[in-house]
Amino acid sequence: MSELSPSRLREHLREEGDVAAAAFEAAEAVNRTAVFLQLRPSERVELVRRLPDPAARRLIEEADSSSGARVLEALDVDRARSLLAGLQPDDAADIVRRLSDENGARLLG
């Protein structure tokens, strides 16, 4: 496991491929969440897009529900629904409460 900084992760996000996801997953769990929360909203979305579903779900569960909701709102509907469906029920409920009415209806379909 390695230490990861927000600036280093931003550099990886500018690169093509799986470099950002691999670096993020190699970091310590506590460090991952802290770094994620220091990213700009668009960077959070880009990172979640690049992570495999299990890692993306874990991250959304570890982050605050407001951040998780904003990320899910920015993803395409199918991916957001898939991630939401795989969350622990209490985490999913917290996130759904944070969604706008429009996005809640869109994701819960």
N, C-alpha and C. Protein backbone atom coordinates (compact mmCIF):
# COMPACT_ATOMS: atom_id res chain seq x y z
N MET A 1 0.84 -1.18 0.00
CA MET A 1 0.00 0.00 0.00
C MET A 1 0.89 1.24 0.00
N SER A 2 0.39 2.28 -0.64
CA SER A 2 1.20 3.49 -0.75
C SER A 2 0.40 4.72 -0.38
N GLU A 3 1.12 5.78 -0.11
CA GLU A 3 0.52 7.08 0.18
C GLU A 3 0.20 7.75 -1.15
N LEU A 4 -0.97 8.35 -1.23
CA LEU A 4 -1.39 9.01 -2.45
C LEU A 4 -1.84 10.41 -2.11
N SER A 5 -1.42 11.38 -2.89
CA SER A 5 -1.83 12.76 -2.65
C SER A 5 -2.85 13.18 -3.71
N PRO A 6 -3.68 14.17 -3.38
CA PRO A 6 -4.63 14.66 -4.38
C PRO A 6 -3.95 15.15 -5.65
N SER A 7 -2.82 15.84 -5.50
CA SER A 7 -2.14 16.37 -6.70
C SER A 7 -1.61 15.22 -7.57
N ARG A 8 -1.10 14.18 -6.95
CA ARG A 8 -0.59 13.03 -7.72
C ARG A 8 -1.75 12.33 -8.44
N LEU A 9 -2.87 12.18 -7.74
CA LEU A 9 -4.02 11.54 -8.36
C LEU A 9 -4.56 12.39 -9.51
N ARG A 10 -4.54 13.70 -9.36
CA ARG A 10 -4.97 14.59 -10.46
C ARG A 10 -4.09 14.37 -11.70
N GLU A 11 -2.78 14.21 -11.47
CA GLU A 11 -1.88 13.93 -12.60
C GLU A 11 -2.28 12.63 -13.29
N HIS A 12 -2.57 11.60 -12.49
CA HIS A 12 -2.98 10.32 -13.05
C HIS A 12 -4.29 10.42 -13.81
N LEU A 13 -5.21 11.26 -13.33
CA LEU A 13 -6.49 11.41 -14.00
C LEU A 13 -6.35 12.07 -15.37
N ARG A 14 -5.27 12.81 -15.57
CA ARG A 14 -5.03 13.44 -16.87
C ARG A 14 -4.47 12.43 -17.87
N GLU A 15 -4.01 11.28 -17.38
CA GLU A 15 -3.45 10.24 -18.24
C GLU A 15 -4.57 9.32 -18.73
N GLU A 16 -4.37 8.73 -19.86
CA GLU A 16 -5.33 7.76 -20.40
C GLU A 16 -5.16 6.43 -19.68
N GLY A 17 -6.18 5.62 -19.74
CA GLY A 17 -6.07 4.26 -19.23
C GLY A 17 -6.37 4.14 -17.75
N ASP A 18 -5.83 3.07 -17.18
CA ASP A 18 -6.15 2.67 -15.82
C ASP A 18 -5.15 3.13 -14.77
N VAL A 19 -4.27 4.06 -15.11
CA VAL A 19 -3.23 4.50 -14.17
C VAL A 19 -3.85 5.07 -12.90
N ALA A 20 -4.85 5.93 -13.04
CA ALA A 20 -5.48 6.56 -11.87
C ALA A 20 -6.15 5.51 -10.99
N ALA A 21 -6.89 4.61 -11.60
CA ALA A 21 -7.59 3.57 -10.84
C ALA A 21 -6.60 2.68 -10.11
N ALA A 22 -5.53 2.28 -10.79
CA ALA A 22 -4.54 1.42 -10.16
C ALA A 22 -3.84 2.11 -9.00
N ALA A 23 -3.47 3.36 -9.18
CA ALA A 23 -2.81 4.11 -8.11
C ALA A 23 -3.77 4.30 -6.93
N PHE A 24 -5.01 4.58 -7.23
CA PHE A 24 -6.00 4.78 -6.17
C PHE A 24 -6.22 3.50 -5.38
N GLU A 25 -6.38 2.40 -6.08
CA GLU A 25 -6.63 1.13 -5.40
C GLU A 25 -5.42 0.64 -4.61
N ALA A 26 -4.21 1.05 -5.00
CA ALA A 26 -3.00 0.64 -4.29
C ALA A 26 -2.78 1.45 -3.01
N ALA A 27 -3.46 2.56 -2.87
CA ALA A 27 -3.30 3.42 -1.69
C ALA A 27 -4.02 2.80 -0.49
N GLU A 28 -3.62 3.22 0.69
CA GLU A 28 -4.26 2.75 1.91
C GLU A 28 -5.71 3.24 1.95
N ALA A 29 -6.59 2.44 2.52
CA ALA A 29 -8.02 2.75 2.54
C ALA A 29 -8.32 4.11 3.15
N VAL A 30 -7.72 4.43 4.26
CA VAL A 30 -7.98 5.72 4.92
C VAL A 30 -7.52 6.86 4.01
N ASN A 31 -6.38 6.67 3.38
CA ASN A 31 -5.84 7.68 2.47
C ASN A 31 -6.73 7.85 1.25
N ARG A 32 -7.29 6.76 0.74
CA ARG A 32 -8.14 6.84 -0.45
C ARG A 32 -9.33 7.77 -0.22
N THR A 33 -10.02 7.57 0.88
CA THR A 33 -11.20 8.39 1.16
C THR A 33 -10.83 9.85 1.35
N ALA A 34 -9.76 10.10 2.09
CA ALA A 34 -9.32 11.48 2.32
C ALA A 34 -8.95 12.16 1.01
N VAL A 35 -8.24 11.47 0.15
CA VAL A 35 -7.85 12.02 -1.15
C VAL A 35 -9.08 12.27 -2.01
N PHE A 36 -9.99 11.31 -2.05
CA PHE A 36 -11.22 11.46 -2.83
C PHE A 36 -11.96 12.73 -2.43
N LEU A 37 -12.09 12.97 -1.15
CA LEU A 37 -12.84 14.12 -0.66
C LEU A 37 -12.13 15.45 -0.94
N GLN A 38 -10.84 15.40 -1.25
CA GLN A 38 -10.10 16.61 -1.59
C GLN A 38 -10.13 16.93 -3.08
N LEU A 39 -10.65 16.01 -3.88
CA LEU A 39 -10.74 16.24 -5.32
C LEU A 39 -11.91 17.16 -5.63
N ARG A 40 -11.82 17.82 -6.77
CA ARG A 40 -12.94 18.62 -7.27
C ARG A 40 -14.06 17.66 -7.68
N PRO A 41 -15.31 18.12 -7.66
CA PRO A 41 -16.43 17.23 -8.02
C PRO A 41 -16.24 16.53 -9.37
N SER A 42 -15.77 17.23 -10.37
CA SER A 42 -15.58 16.59 -11.68
C SER A 42 -14.49 15.51 -11.63
N GLU A 43 -13.49 15.72 -10.80
CA GLU A 43 -12.42 14.71 -10.65
C GLU A 43 -12.95 13.48 -9.92
N ARG A 44 -13.82 13.70 -8.94
CA ARG A 44 -14.43 12.57 -8.23
C ARG A 44 -15.21 11.69 -9.20
N VAL A 45 -15.98 12.33 -10.05
CA VAL A 45 -16.78 11.60 -11.04
C VAL A 45 -15.86 10.84 -11.99
N GLU A 46 -14.83 11.49 -12.48
CA GLU A 46 -13.90 10.83 -13.41
C GLU A 46 -13.24 9.63 -12.75
N LEU A 47 -12.84 9.75 -11.50
CA LEU A 47 -12.22 8.63 -10.80
C LEU A 47 -13.20 7.47 -10.68
N VAL A 48 -14.42 7.74 -10.26
CA VAL A 48 -15.40 6.67 -10.11
C VAL A 48 -15.69 6.02 -11.45
N ARG A 49 -15.71 6.79 -12.53
CA ARG A 49 -15.90 6.21 -13.87
C ARG A 49 -14.82 5.19 -14.19
N ARG A 50 -13.61 5.44 -13.73
CA ARG A 50 -12.48 4.58 -14.06
C ARG A 50 -12.34 3.37 -13.13
N LEU A 51 -12.94 3.43 -11.96
CA LEU A 51 -12.81 2.33 -11.01
C LEU A 51 -13.75 1.19 -11.37
N PRO A 52 -13.33 -0.04 -11.10
CA PRO A 52 -14.26 -1.16 -11.27
C PRO A 52 -15.39 -1.02 -10.24
N ASP A 53 -16.53 -1.61 -10.52
CA ASP A 53 -17.70 -1.45 -9.66
C ASP A 53 -17.43 -1.72 -8.17
N PRO A 54 -16.77 -2.83 -7.80
CA PRO A 54 -16.57 -3.06 -6.36
C PRO A 54 -15.78 -1.93 -5.67
N ALA A 55 -14.76 -1.44 -6.33
CA ALA A 55 -13.96 -0.35 -5.75
C ALA A 55 -14.76 0.95 -5.70
N ALA A 56 -15.55 1.20 -6.74
CA ALA A 56 -16.37 2.41 -6.77
C ALA A 56 -17.42 2.37 -5.67
N ARG A 57 -18.05 1.22 -5.46
CA ARG A 57 -19.05 1.09 -4.39
C ARG A 57 -18.41 1.30 -3.02
N ARG A 58 -17.27 0.69 -2.80
CA ARG A 58 -16.56 0.83 -1.53
C ARG A 58 -16.27 2.31 -1.26
N LEU A 59 -15.80 2.99 -2.27
CA LEU A 59 -15.46 4.41 -2.12
C LEU A 59 -16.71 5.25 -1.81
N ILE A 60 -17.78 5.00 -2.53
CA ILE A 60 -19.01 5.75 -2.30
C ILE A 60 -19.53 5.50 -0.89
N GLU A 61 -19.40 4.27 -0.41
CA GLU A 61 -19.83 3.96 0.96
C GLU A 61 -18.95 4.64 2.01
N GLU A 62 -17.67 4.75 1.72
CA GLU A 62 -16.73 5.35 2.68
C GLU A 62 -16.82 6.87 2.70
N ALA A 63 -17.20 7.47 1.59
CA ALA A 63 -17.32 8.93 1.51
C ALA A 63 -18.63 9.36 2.18
N ASP A 64 -18.81 10.64 2.35
CA ASP A 64 -20.07 11.12 2.91
C ASP A 64 -21.18 10.98 1.88
N SER A 65 -22.41 10.90 2.36
CA SER A 65 -23.54 10.64 1.47
C SER A 65 -23.77 11.76 0.46
N SER A 66 -23.45 12.98 0.83
CA SER A 66 -23.60 14.11 -0.09
C SER A 66 -22.66 13.95 -1.29
N SER A 67 -21.41 13.60 -1.02
CA SER A 67 -20.44 13.38 -2.10
C SER A 67 -20.85 12.21 -2.97
N GLY A 68 -21.31 11.14 -2.35
CA GLY A 68 -21.77 9.98 -3.10
C GLY A 68 -22.94 10.32 -4.01
N ALA A 69 -23.87 11.11 -3.49
CA ALA A 69 -25.03 11.52 -4.29
C ALA A 69 -24.60 12.34 -5.50
N ARG A 70 -23.70 13.29 -5.29
CA ARG A 70 -23.25 14.15 -6.40
C ARG A 70 -22.56 13.32 -7.48
N VAL A 71 -21.79 12.33 -7.08
CA VAL A 71 -21.12 11.48 -8.06
C VAL A 71 -22.14 10.67 -8.84
N LEU A 72 -23.07 10.05 -8.14
CA LEU A 72 -24.07 9.23 -8.83
C LEU A 72 -24.92 10.06 -9.78
N GLU A 73 -25.24 11.28 -9.40
CA GLU A 73 -26.02 12.15 -10.29
C GLU A 73 -25.29 12.46 -11.59
N ALA A 74 -23.97 12.48 -11.55
CA ALA A 74 -23.18 12.83 -12.73
C ALA A 74 -22.88 11.64 -13.64
N LEU A 75 -23.07 10.44 -13.14
CA LEU A 75 -22.79 9.25 -13.95
C LEU A 75 -23.96 8.95 -14.88
N ASP A 76 -23.69 8.12 -15.90
CA ASP A 76 -24.81 7.69 -16.74
C ASP A 76 -25.74 6.83 -15.89
N VAL A 77 -26.98 6.79 -16.27
CA VAL A 77 -28.04 6.16 -15.46
C VAL A 77 -27.74 4.70 -15.15
N ASP A 78 -27.31 3.94 -16.14
CA ASP A 78 -27.07 2.51 -15.91
C ASP A 78 -25.98 2.27 -14.88
N ARG A 79 -24.88 3.00 -15.00
CA ARG A 79 -23.78 2.82 -14.04
C ARG A 79 -24.21 3.29 -12.66
N ALA A 80 -24.89 4.41 -12.58
CA ALA A 80 -25.32 4.92 -11.28
C ALA A 80 -26.29 3.95 -10.61
N ARG A 81 -27.22 3.40 -11.38
CA ARG A 81 -28.17 2.43 -10.82
C ARG A 81 -27.45 1.18 -10.33
N SER A 82 -26.49 0.71 -11.11
CA SER A 82 -25.73 -0.47 -10.74
C SER A 82 -24.97 -0.24 -9.43
N LEU A 83 -24.32 0.91 -9.33
CA LEU A 83 -23.57 1.20 -8.11
C LEU A 83 -24.51 1.35 -6.92
N LEU A 84 -25.59 2.07 -7.10
CA LEU A 84 -26.55 2.30 -6.02
C LEU A 84 -27.14 0.97 -5.54
N ALA A 85 -27.47 0.10 -6.47
CA ALA A 85 -28.08 -1.19 -6.12
C ALA A 85 -27.12 -2.07 -5.31
N GLY A 86 -25.83 -1.89 -5.50
CA GLY A 86 -24.85 -2.72 -4.81
C GLY A 86 -24.39 -2.18 -3.47
N LEU A 87 -24.87 -1.00 -3.09
CA LEU A 87 -24.47 -0.41 -1.81
C LEU A 87 -25.20 -1.08 -0.66
N GLN A 88 -24.62 -0.97 0.53
CA GLN A 88 -25.31 -1.41 1.74
C GLN A 88 -26.62 -0.63 1.83
N PRO A 89 -27.70 -1.25 2.25
CA PRO A 89 -29.00 -0.57 2.26
C PRO A 89 -29.02 0.77 3.00
N ASP A 90 -28.36 0.85 4.14
CA ASP A 90 -28.38 2.12 4.88
C ASP A 90 -27.59 3.21 4.16
N ASP A 91 -26.49 2.82 3.51
CA ASP A 91 -25.73 3.79 2.71
C ASP A 91 -26.53 4.26 1.50
N ALA A 92 -27.18 3.32 0.84
CA ALA A 92 -28.01 3.67 -0.33
C ALA A 92 -29.14 4.61 0.08
N ALA A 93 -29.78 4.34 1.20
CA ALA A 93 -30.88 5.20 1.67
C ALA A 93 -30.38 6.60 1.98
N ASP A 94 -29.21 6.71 2.62
CA ASP A 94 -28.64 8.03 2.92
C ASP A 94 -28.37 8.80 1.64
N ILE A 95 -27.85 8.13 0.64
CA ILE A 95 -27.53 8.78 -0.63
C ILE A 95 -28.81 9.19 -1.36
N VAL A 96 -29.80 8.32 -1.40
CA VAL A 96 -31.06 8.63 -2.09
C VAL A 96 -31.70 9.87 -1.47
N ARG A 97 -31.62 10.01 -0.15
CA ARG A 97 -32.18 11.20 0.51
C ARG A 97 -31.48 12.48 0.06
N ARG A 98 -30.24 12.38 -0.38
CA ARG A 98 -29.47 13.55 -0.81
C ARG A 98 -29.68 13.89 -2.29
N LEU A 99 -30.28 13.01 -3.04
CA LEU A 99 -30.50 13.26 -4.47
C LEU A 99 -31.61 14.28 -4.66
N SER A 100 -31.50 15.06 -5.72
CA SER A 100 -32.60 15.94 -6.08
C SER A 100 -33.79 15.06 -6.46
N ASP A 101 -34.99 15.62 -6.41
CA ASP A 101 -36.19 14.86 -6.77
C ASP A 101 -36.06 14.27 -8.18
N GLU A 102 -35.58 15.10 -9.10
CA GLU A 102 -35.42 14.67 -10.48
C GLU A 102 -34.45 13.50 -10.60
N ASN A 103 -33.29 13.62 -9.96
CA ASN A 103 -32.28 12.56 -10.05
C ASN A 103 -32.70 11.32 -9.26
N GLY A 104 -33.39 11.52 -8.16
CA GLY A 104 -33.92 10.37 -7.42
C GLY A 104 -34.85 9.56 -8.28
N ALA A 105 -35.76 10.22 -8.97
CA ALA A 105 -36.69 9.54 -9.86
C ALA A 105 -35.96 8.87 -11.01
N ARG A 106 -34.95 9.55 -11.53
CA ARG A 106 -34.17 9.02 -12.66
C ARG A 106 -33.43 7.75 -12.25
N LEU A 107 -32.82 7.75 -11.06
CA LEU A 107 -32.02 6.61 -10.66
C LEU A 107 -32.86 5.47 -10.08
N LEU A 108 -33.95 5.81 -9.46
CA LEU A 108 -34.79 4.76 -8.89
C LEU A 108 -35.77 4.21 -9.90
N GLY A 109 -35.99 4.98 -10.98
CA GLY A 109 -36.77 4.60 -12.14
C GLY A 109 -37.98 3.78 -11.82
